[in-house]
Amino acid sequence: MKSIYILSNILLIAVLSSCVKNNKDQVVVPPLEVEAPMETPVKECYQAIVDKDTITLTVDVNSINEFKGELNYSYYQKDKSFGTILGNVKGDTIFAEYNYQSEGKTSVRELAFLKKDATTYIEGYGDVVEANDKVVFKDKSKIKFDGNVIYNKIDCKE
């Protein structure tokens, strides 16, 4: 009986040591870390000339269809209007907020643009109302894009 007890202990030690040995032989591979590619927005510049007024639009459009940049209105013999624009591209239409300064006052106004082709945007217009300290379109479905203000692509100035 004593020999069975000794034999079972030897067998138990052999099994445990083989398990420990197998754990030592295992190779732990750290998880592979891959950096996400950096977002590279595309900078584009546009200009509209209406009579003697010049409007310059500089935008970055990124992969999540965010439309942001600067918009500057240079009116002939009037105060200028300049500021930032931030919006989203939905199909061929952009709805954006224009935060601008004019005559020493900061204001916010909603804008809409229709992308006619790869080099042209048309600014939309329609009835507006003031809501929450912003000027917004009364009914977005009634915005007109009939070509009053047409932005053509130009080379960006560095």
N, C-alpha and C. Protein backbone atom coordinates (compact mmCIF):
# COMPACT_ATOMS: atom_id res chain seq x y z
N MET A 1 0.83 -1.17 0.00
CA MET A 1 0.00 0.00 0.00
C MET A 1 0.88 1.25 0.00
N LYS A 2 1.98 1.12 0.71
CA LYS A 2 2.91 2.23 0.78
C LYS A 2 3.53 2.50 -0.59
N SER A 3 3.78 1.46 -1.35
CA SER A 3 4.37 1.62 -2.68
C SER A 3 3.39 2.29 -3.65
N ILE A 4 2.09 2.02 -3.50
CA ILE A 4 1.09 2.67 -4.35
C ILE A 4 1.06 4.17 -4.04
N TYR A 5 1.17 4.50 -2.75
CA TYR A 5 1.17 5.89 -2.34
C TYR A 5 2.38 6.62 -2.92
N ILE A 6 3.54 6.01 -2.86
CA ILE A 6 4.77 6.61 -3.38
C ILE A 6 4.68 6.72 -4.91
N LEU A 7 4.19 5.67 -5.55
CA LEU A 7 4.06 5.67 -7.00
C LEU A 7 3.08 6.75 -7.47
N SER A 8 1.97 6.92 -6.77
CA SER A 8 1.00 7.96 -7.16
C SER A 8 1.58 9.37 -6.94
N ASN A 9 2.38 9.55 -5.90
CA ASN A 9 3.03 10.86 -5.69
C ASN A 9 4.04 11.16 -6.79
N ILE A 10 4.81 10.13 -7.19
CA ILE A 10 5.79 10.32 -8.26
C ILE A 10 5.07 10.66 -9.57
N LEU A 11 3.99 9.97 -9.83
CA LEU A 11 3.21 10.22 -11.04
C LEU A 11 2.61 11.64 -11.01
N LEU A 12 2.11 12.04 -9.84
CA LEU A 12 1.56 13.38 -9.70
C LEU A 12 2.62 14.45 -9.90
N ILE A 13 3.79 14.26 -9.37
CA ILE A 13 4.89 15.21 -9.54
C ILE A 13 5.31 15.28 -11.01
N ALA A 14 5.35 14.14 -11.68
CA ALA A 14 5.73 14.11 -13.09
C ALA A 14 4.72 14.88 -13.94
N VAL A 15 3.44 14.67 -13.63
CA VAL A 15 2.40 15.36 -14.40
C VAL A 15 2.48 16.86 -14.16
N LEU A 16 2.62 17.27 -12.90
CA LEU A 16 2.70 18.69 -12.58
C LEU A 16 3.94 19.34 -13.19
N SER A 17 5.06 18.65 -13.14
CA SER A 17 6.27 19.24 -13.71
C SER A 17 6.16 19.35 -15.23
N SER A 18 5.48 18.43 -15.87
CA SER A 18 5.32 18.54 -17.32
C SER A 18 4.39 19.70 -17.67
N CYS A 19 3.40 19.95 -16.83
CA CYS A 19 2.52 21.10 -17.08
C CYS A 19 3.27 22.40 -16.90
N VAL A 20 4.08 22.47 -15.87
CA VAL A 20 4.87 23.68 -15.63
C VAL A 20 5.85 23.88 -16.78
N LYS A 21 6.46 22.81 -17.23
CA LYS A 21 7.41 22.90 -18.33
C LYS A 21 6.73 23.40 -19.59
N ASN A 22 5.52 22.90 -19.88
CA ASN A 22 4.79 23.35 -21.07
C ASN A 22 4.45 24.84 -20.98
N ASN A 23 4.15 25.34 -19.80
CA ASN A 23 3.85 26.76 -19.64
C ASN A 23 5.08 27.60 -19.93
N LYS A 24 6.25 27.07 -19.56
CA LYS A 24 7.48 27.83 -19.79
C LYS A 24 7.82 27.88 -21.27
N ASP A 25 7.45 26.84 -22.01
CA ASP A 25 7.76 26.78 -23.42
C ASP A 25 6.83 27.65 -24.27
N GLN A 26 5.72 28.10 -23.71
CA GLN A 26 4.79 28.92 -24.48
C GLN A 26 5.40 30.30 -24.74
N VAL A 27 5.23 30.76 -25.94
CA VAL A 27 5.73 32.07 -26.33
C VAL A 27 4.56 33.05 -26.31
N VAL A 28 4.76 34.14 -25.58
CA VAL A 28 3.72 35.16 -25.52
C VAL A 28 4.02 36.20 -26.60
N VAL A 29 3.09 36.36 -27.51
CA VAL A 29 3.24 37.32 -28.60
C VAL A 29 2.43 38.56 -28.24
N PRO A 30 3.12 39.70 -28.12
CA PRO A 30 2.36 40.93 -27.80
C PRO A 30 1.44 41.30 -28.96
N PRO A 31 0.30 41.92 -28.64
CA PRO A 31 -0.62 42.31 -29.72
C PRO A 31 0.04 43.33 -30.64
N LEU A 32 -0.25 43.19 -31.91
CA LEU A 32 0.30 44.08 -32.92
C LEU A 32 -0.44 45.40 -32.87
N GLU A 33 0.30 46.50 -32.69
CA GLU A 33 -0.31 47.82 -32.65
C GLU A 33 -0.12 48.49 -34.00
N VAL A 34 -1.24 48.83 -34.60
CA VAL A 34 -1.21 49.49 -35.89
C VAL A 34 -1.84 50.86 -35.72
N GLU A 35 -1.11 51.88 -36.12
CA GLU A 35 -1.64 53.23 -36.02
C GLU A 35 -2.62 53.48 -37.16
N ALA A 36 -3.70 54.17 -36.82
CA ALA A 36 -4.67 54.55 -37.85
C ALA A 36 -4.03 55.59 -38.76
N PRO A 37 -4.34 55.53 -40.04
CA PRO A 37 -3.76 56.54 -40.93
C PRO A 37 -4.23 57.93 -40.53
N MET A 38 -3.34 58.88 -40.68
CA MET A 38 -3.68 60.26 -40.34
C MET A 38 -4.67 60.80 -41.36
N GLU A 39 -5.62 61.57 -40.86
CA GLU A 39 -6.61 62.22 -41.70
C GLU A 39 -5.92 63.30 -42.53
N THR A 40 -6.07 63.25 -43.82
CA THR A 40 -5.48 64.25 -44.69
C THR A 40 -6.60 64.99 -45.40
N PRO A 41 -7.03 66.11 -44.81
CA PRO A 41 -8.09 66.86 -45.49
C PRO A 41 -7.58 67.46 -46.79
N VAL A 42 -8.49 67.66 -47.70
CA VAL A 42 -8.17 68.24 -48.99
C VAL A 42 -8.52 69.72 -48.94
N LYS A 43 -7.52 70.58 -49.11
CA LYS A 43 -7.74 72.02 -49.09
C LYS A 43 -8.08 72.48 -50.50
N GLU A 44 -9.18 73.21 -50.60
CA GLU A 44 -9.62 73.73 -51.88
C GLU A 44 -9.96 75.21 -51.72
N CYS A 45 -9.74 75.98 -52.77
CA CYS A 45 -10.03 77.41 -52.74
C CYS A 45 -10.95 77.77 -53.90
N TYR A 46 -11.89 78.65 -53.61
CA TYR A 46 -12.88 79.07 -54.60
C TYR A 46 -13.06 80.58 -54.51
N GLN A 47 -13.54 81.15 -55.61
CA GLN A 47 -13.79 82.60 -55.63
C GLN A 47 -15.05 82.87 -56.46
N ALA A 48 -15.85 83.81 -55.94
CA ALA A 48 -17.02 84.28 -56.68
C ALA A 48 -16.88 85.78 -56.86
N ILE A 49 -17.18 86.24 -58.04
CA ILE A 49 -17.16 87.68 -58.31
C ILE A 49 -18.56 88.08 -58.75
N VAL A 50 -19.16 88.98 -57.98
CA VAL A 50 -20.50 89.48 -58.27
C VAL A 50 -20.38 90.99 -58.41
N ASP A 51 -20.54 91.48 -59.62
CA ASP A 51 -20.32 92.89 -59.94
C ASP A 51 -18.91 93.27 -59.49
N LYS A 52 -18.78 94.18 -58.50
CA LYS A 52 -17.46 94.59 -58.02
C LYS A 52 -17.11 93.95 -56.68
N ASP A 53 -17.93 93.00 -56.23
CA ASP A 53 -17.68 92.31 -54.97
C ASP A 53 -16.96 90.99 -55.23
N THR A 54 -16.05 90.63 -54.32
CA THR A 54 -15.31 89.38 -54.43
C THR A 54 -15.52 88.56 -53.16
N ILE A 55 -15.84 87.30 -53.34
CA ILE A 55 -16.04 86.38 -52.21
C ILE A 55 -15.04 85.24 -52.36
N THR A 56 -14.30 84.99 -51.30
CA THR A 56 -13.29 83.94 -51.33
C THR A 56 -13.65 82.86 -50.31
N LEU A 57 -13.64 81.61 -50.75
CA LEU A 57 -13.96 80.46 -49.92
C LEU A 57 -12.77 79.52 -49.92
N THR A 58 -12.24 79.24 -48.74
CA THR A 58 -11.16 78.27 -48.58
C THR A 58 -11.68 77.18 -47.67
N VAL A 59 -11.70 75.94 -48.15
CA VAL A 59 -12.27 74.85 -47.36
C VAL A 59 -11.38 73.62 -47.34
N ASP A 60 -11.57 72.85 -46.28
CA ASP A 60 -10.99 71.51 -46.16
C ASP A 60 -12.16 70.55 -46.09
N VAL A 61 -12.14 69.53 -46.92
CA VAL A 61 -13.16 68.49 -46.88
C VAL A 61 -12.45 67.21 -46.51
N ASN A 62 -12.88 66.58 -45.40
CA ASN A 62 -12.21 65.35 -44.97
C ASN A 62 -13.05 64.12 -45.31
N SER A 63 -12.56 62.94 -44.90
CA SER A 63 -13.20 61.69 -45.28
C SER A 63 -14.55 61.46 -44.62
N ILE A 64 -14.87 62.21 -43.57
CA ILE A 64 -16.18 62.05 -42.93
C ILE A 64 -17.14 63.15 -43.40
N ASN A 65 -16.80 63.74 -44.54
CA ASN A 65 -17.63 64.76 -45.18
C ASN A 65 -17.87 65.99 -44.34
N GLU A 66 -16.88 66.34 -43.54
CA GLU A 66 -16.95 67.60 -42.80
C GLU A 66 -16.37 68.69 -43.71
N PHE A 67 -17.03 69.80 -43.75
CA PHE A 67 -16.69 70.92 -44.64
C PHE A 67 -16.35 72.09 -43.73
N LYS A 68 -15.07 72.49 -43.68
CA LYS A 68 -14.71 73.60 -42.81
C LYS A 68 -13.66 74.47 -43.47
N GLY A 69 -13.67 75.74 -43.07
CA GLY A 69 -12.70 76.65 -43.66
C GLY A 69 -13.02 78.09 -43.35
N GLU A 70 -12.70 78.96 -44.30
CA GLU A 70 -12.88 80.40 -44.14
C GLU A 70 -13.66 80.95 -45.32
N LEU A 71 -14.46 81.98 -45.02
CA LEU A 71 -15.24 82.65 -46.05
C LEU A 71 -15.09 84.15 -45.85
N ASN A 72 -14.69 84.83 -46.91
CA ASN A 72 -14.45 86.27 -46.82
C ASN A 72 -15.20 86.99 -47.94
N TYR A 73 -16.03 87.93 -47.54
CA TYR A 73 -16.76 88.77 -48.48
C TYR A 73 -16.05 90.13 -48.54
N SER A 74 -15.57 90.51 -49.70
CA SER A 74 -14.96 91.82 -49.91
C SER A 74 -15.90 92.63 -50.78
N TYR A 75 -16.70 93.44 -50.12
CA TYR A 75 -17.68 94.26 -50.83
C TYR A 75 -17.02 95.55 -51.32
N TYR A 76 -17.39 95.97 -52.50
CA TYR A 76 -16.86 97.20 -53.07
C TYR A 76 -17.41 98.39 -52.29
N GLN A 77 -16.52 99.18 -51.74
CA GLN A 77 -16.82 100.39 -50.98
C GLN A 77 -17.79 100.15 -49.81
N LYS A 78 -17.70 98.95 -49.20
CA LYS A 78 -18.49 98.62 -48.02
C LYS A 78 -17.61 97.86 -47.04
N ASP A 79 -18.12 97.68 -45.81
CA ASP A 79 -17.38 96.89 -44.83
C ASP A 79 -17.28 95.44 -45.30
N LYS A 80 -16.14 94.84 -44.96
CA LYS A 80 -15.92 93.44 -45.30
C LYS A 80 -16.60 92.55 -44.27
N SER A 81 -16.80 91.32 -44.65
CA SER A 81 -17.34 90.30 -43.77
C SER A 81 -16.40 89.10 -43.88
N PHE A 82 -15.91 88.61 -42.75
CA PHE A 82 -14.99 87.48 -42.81
C PHE A 82 -15.19 86.59 -41.59
N GLY A 83 -14.95 85.29 -41.80
CA GLY A 83 -15.11 84.37 -40.67
C GLY A 83 -14.88 82.93 -41.08
N THR A 84 -15.32 82.03 -40.20
CA THR A 84 -15.12 80.60 -40.42
C THR A 84 -16.44 79.95 -40.81
N ILE A 85 -16.29 78.84 -41.50
CA ILE A 85 -17.45 78.09 -41.96
C ILE A 85 -17.27 76.63 -41.55
N LEU A 86 -18.35 76.03 -41.06
CA LEU A 86 -18.29 74.63 -40.63
C LEU A 86 -19.61 73.97 -40.99
N GLY A 87 -19.54 72.86 -41.71
CA GLY A 87 -20.76 72.20 -42.11
C GLY A 87 -20.52 70.76 -42.52
N ASN A 88 -21.54 70.17 -43.11
CA ASN A 88 -21.49 68.78 -43.55
C ASN A 88 -21.95 68.65 -44.99
N VAL A 89 -21.31 67.73 -45.70
CA VAL A 89 -21.67 67.44 -47.07
C VAL A 89 -22.73 66.34 -47.06
N LYS A 90 -23.84 66.60 -47.73
CA LYS A 90 -24.91 65.60 -47.86
C LYS A 90 -25.22 65.47 -49.34
N GLY A 91 -24.62 64.46 -49.95
CA GLY A 91 -24.78 64.31 -51.40
C GLY A 91 -24.04 65.42 -52.11
N ASP A 92 -24.77 66.22 -52.87
CA ASP A 92 -24.13 67.34 -53.58
C ASP A 92 -24.41 68.68 -52.91
N THR A 93 -24.97 68.65 -51.68
CA THR A 93 -25.33 69.88 -50.98
C THR A 93 -24.56 69.99 -49.67
N ILE A 94 -24.16 71.20 -49.34
CA ILE A 94 -23.47 71.49 -48.08
C ILE A 94 -24.32 72.47 -47.28
N PHE A 95 -24.59 72.12 -46.04
CA PHE A 95 -25.25 73.04 -45.11
C PHE A 95 -24.20 73.39 -44.07
N ALA A 96 -24.00 74.69 -43.83
CA ALA A 96 -22.93 75.12 -42.96
C ALA A 96 -23.32 76.34 -42.14
N GLU A 97 -22.61 76.51 -41.04
CA GLU A 97 -22.75 77.72 -40.23
C GLU A 97 -21.56 78.62 -40.53
N TYR A 98 -21.87 79.87 -40.75
CA TYR A 98 -20.85 80.88 -41.04
C TYR A 98 -20.77 81.79 -39.82
N ASN A 99 -19.68 81.69 -39.05
CA ASN A 99 -19.42 82.57 -37.90
C ASN A 99 -18.52 83.69 -38.42
N TYR A 100 -19.07 84.89 -38.43
CA TYR A 100 -18.33 85.97 -39.10
C TYR A 100 -18.38 87.28 -38.32
N GLN A 101 -17.48 88.16 -38.73
CA GLN A 101 -17.42 89.50 -38.17
C GLN A 101 -17.67 90.49 -39.29
N SER A 102 -18.51 91.45 -38.99
CA SER A 102 -18.80 92.51 -39.94
C SER A 102 -19.20 93.75 -39.15
N GLU A 103 -18.64 94.87 -39.53
CA GLU A 103 -18.92 96.13 -38.86
C GLU A 103 -18.69 96.02 -37.34
N GLY A 104 -17.68 95.28 -36.94
CA GLY A 104 -17.32 95.15 -35.53
C GLY A 104 -18.23 94.24 -34.73
N LYS A 105 -19.11 93.53 -35.38
CA LYS A 105 -20.07 92.66 -34.69
C LYS A 105 -19.87 91.22 -35.15
N THR A 106 -19.98 90.27 -34.22
CA THR A 106 -19.89 88.85 -34.55
C THR A 106 -21.29 88.28 -34.70
N SER A 107 -21.51 87.54 -35.78
CA SER A 107 -22.82 86.96 -36.08
C SER A 107 -22.67 85.55 -36.60
N VAL A 108 -23.79 84.83 -36.64
CA VAL A 108 -23.83 83.47 -37.18
C VAL A 108 -24.98 83.38 -38.17
N ARG A 109 -24.68 82.76 -39.31
CA ARG A 109 -25.71 82.63 -40.34
C ARG A 109 -25.55 81.28 -41.02
N GLU A 110 -26.66 80.68 -41.36
CA GLU A 110 -26.64 79.40 -42.05
C GLU A 110 -26.46 79.64 -43.55
N LEU A 111 -25.63 78.82 -44.16
CA LEU A 111 -25.39 78.89 -45.61
C LEU A 111 -25.66 77.53 -46.24
N ALA A 112 -25.93 77.55 -47.51
CA ALA A 112 -26.10 76.32 -48.27
C ALA A 112 -25.35 76.47 -49.60
N PHE A 113 -24.69 75.40 -50.00
CA PHE A 113 -23.96 75.38 -51.27
C PHE A 113 -24.35 74.11 -52.02
N LEU A 114 -24.43 74.24 -53.32
CA LEU A 114 -24.67 73.10 -54.19
C LEU A 114 -23.40 72.88 -55.00
N LYS A 115 -22.87 71.66 -54.95
CA LYS A 115 -21.68 71.36 -55.75
C LYS A 115 -22.14 70.99 -57.15
N LYS A 116 -21.92 71.90 -58.08
CA LYS A 116 -22.36 71.71 -59.46
C LYS A 116 -21.48 70.68 -60.16
N ASP A 117 -20.17 70.81 -59.97
CA ASP A 117 -19.20 69.87 -60.54
C ASP A 117 -17.92 69.96 -59.71
N ALA A 118 -16.83 69.37 -60.17
CA ALA A 118 -15.59 69.30 -59.39
C ALA A 118 -14.95 70.67 -59.16
N THR A 119 -15.36 71.68 -59.92
CA THR A 119 -14.71 72.99 -59.79
C THR A 119 -15.68 74.13 -59.46
N THR A 120 -16.94 73.81 -59.17
CA THR A 120 -17.93 74.87 -59.01
C THR A 120 -18.90 74.59 -57.86
N TYR A 121 -19.10 75.62 -57.04
CA TYR A 121 -20.16 75.62 -56.02
C TYR A 121 -21.11 76.77 -56.33
N ILE A 122 -22.38 76.55 -56.04
CA ILE A 122 -23.37 77.62 -56.17
C ILE A 122 -23.96 77.86 -54.79
N GLU A 123 -23.95 79.13 -54.35
CA GLU A 123 -24.50 79.46 -53.04
C GLU A 123 -26.02 79.56 -53.16
N GLY A 124 -26.69 78.96 -52.19
CA GLY A 124 -28.15 78.98 -52.19
C GLY A 124 -28.69 80.14 -51.38
N TYR A 125 -29.94 80.47 -51.66
CA TYR A 125 -30.59 81.53 -50.90
C TYR A 125 -32.07 81.18 -50.73
N GLY A 126 -32.69 81.81 -49.76
CA GLY A 126 -34.10 81.57 -49.50
C GLY A 126 -34.54 82.41 -48.31
N ASP A 127 -35.79 82.25 -47.92
CA ASP A 127 -36.31 82.98 -46.77
C ASP A 127 -35.57 82.54 -45.50
N VAL A 128 -35.23 83.51 -44.66
CA VAL A 128 -34.51 83.22 -43.43
C VAL A 128 -35.28 83.77 -42.23
N VAL A 129 -34.97 83.20 -41.07
CA VAL A 129 -35.53 83.66 -39.81
C VAL A 129 -34.40 83.69 -38.79
N GLU A 130 -34.59 84.45 -37.73
CA GLU A 130 -33.60 84.46 -36.66
C GLU A 130 -34.08 83.53 -35.56
N ALA A 131 -33.19 82.60 -35.16
CA ALA A 131 -33.51 81.64 -34.11
C ALA A 131 -32.24 81.35 -33.32
N ASN A 132 -32.33 81.45 -32.00
CA ASN A 132 -31.18 81.16 -31.13
C ASN A 132 -29.95 81.97 -31.52
N ASP A 133 -30.13 83.25 -31.76
CA ASP A 133 -29.05 84.18 -32.13
C ASP A 133 -28.37 83.80 -33.44
N LYS A 134 -29.06 83.11 -34.33
CA LYS A 134 -28.53 82.76 -35.65
C LYS A 134 -29.58 83.10 -36.71
N VAL A 135 -29.10 83.37 -37.89
CA VAL A 135 -29.98 83.53 -39.03
C VAL A 135 -29.95 82.19 -39.77
N VAL A 136 -31.12 81.55 -39.88
CA VAL A 136 -31.22 80.23 -40.49
C VAL A 136 -32.28 80.24 -41.59
N PHE A 137 -32.21 79.25 -42.46
CA PHE A 137 -33.22 79.13 -43.51
C PHE A 137 -34.55 78.73 -42.88
N LYS A 138 -35.60 79.37 -43.35
CA LYS A 138 -36.94 79.09 -42.85
C LYS A 138 -37.37 77.68 -43.26
N ASP A 139 -37.11 77.32 -44.51
CA ASP A 139 -37.48 76.00 -45.03
C ASP A 139 -36.38 75.55 -45.99
N LYS A 140 -35.57 74.59 -45.57
CA LYS A 140 -34.43 74.15 -46.39
C LYS A 140 -34.86 73.56 -47.73
N SER A 141 -36.06 73.03 -47.79
CA SER A 141 -36.51 72.44 -49.06
C SER A 141 -36.81 73.51 -50.11
N LYS A 142 -36.90 74.77 -49.70
CA LYS A 142 -37.20 75.85 -50.65
C LYS A 142 -35.99 76.72 -50.99
N ILE A 143 -34.79 76.24 -50.65
CA ILE A 143 -33.58 76.98 -51.00
C ILE A 143 -33.39 76.93 -52.51
N LYS A 144 -33.05 78.08 -53.09
CA LYS A 144 -32.86 78.18 -54.54
C LYS A 144 -31.37 78.26 -54.86
N PHE A 145 -30.97 77.52 -55.86
CA PHE A 145 -29.59 77.51 -56.34
C PHE A 145 -29.62 77.91 -57.82
N ASP A 146 -29.97 79.15 -58.09
CA ASP A 146 -30.15 79.55 -59.48
C ASP A 146 -28.94 80.26 -60.07
N GLY A 147 -27.82 80.28 -59.35
CA GLY A 147 -26.61 80.80 -59.96
C GLY A 147 -26.31 82.25 -59.71
N ASN A 148 -26.90 82.88 -58.71
CA ASN A 148 -26.56 84.27 -58.41
C ASN A 148 -25.12 84.41 -57.94
N VAL A 149 -24.69 83.51 -57.04
CA VAL A 149 -23.32 83.53 -56.52
C VAL A 149 -22.68 82.20 -56.88
N ILE A 150 -21.76 82.23 -57.83
CA ILE A 150 -21.09 81.02 -58.30
C ILE A 150 -19.62 81.08 -57.91
N TYR A 151 -19.16 80.06 -57.19
CA TYR A 151 -17.77 79.96 -56.76
C TYR A 151 -17.03 79.04 -57.73
N ASN A 152 -15.97 79.55 -58.32
CA ASN A 152 -15.12 78.75 -59.21
C ASN A 152 -13.80 78.46 -58.51
N LYS A 153 -13.30 77.26 -58.74
CA LYS A 153 -12.06 76.82 -58.10
C LYS A 153 -10.90 77.67 -58.59
N ILE A 154 -10.04 78.05 -57.64
CA ILE A 154 -8.83 78.81 -57.96
C ILE A 154 -7.66 78.15 -57.25
N ASP A 155 -6.45 78.54 -57.59
CA ASP A 155 -5.27 78.06 -56.88
C ASP A 155 -5.23 78.71 -55.50
N CYS A 156 -4.96 77.92 -54.48
CA CYS A 156 -4.87 78.45 -53.12
C CYS A 156 -3.58 79.25 -52.96
N LYS A 157 -3.69 80.37 -52.27
CA LYS A 157 -2.51 81.18 -51.97
C LYS A 157 -1.90 80.66 -50.69
N GLU A 158 -0.62 80.50 -50.70
CA GLU A 158 0.07 79.98 -49.50
C GLU A 158 0.31 81.04 -48.49
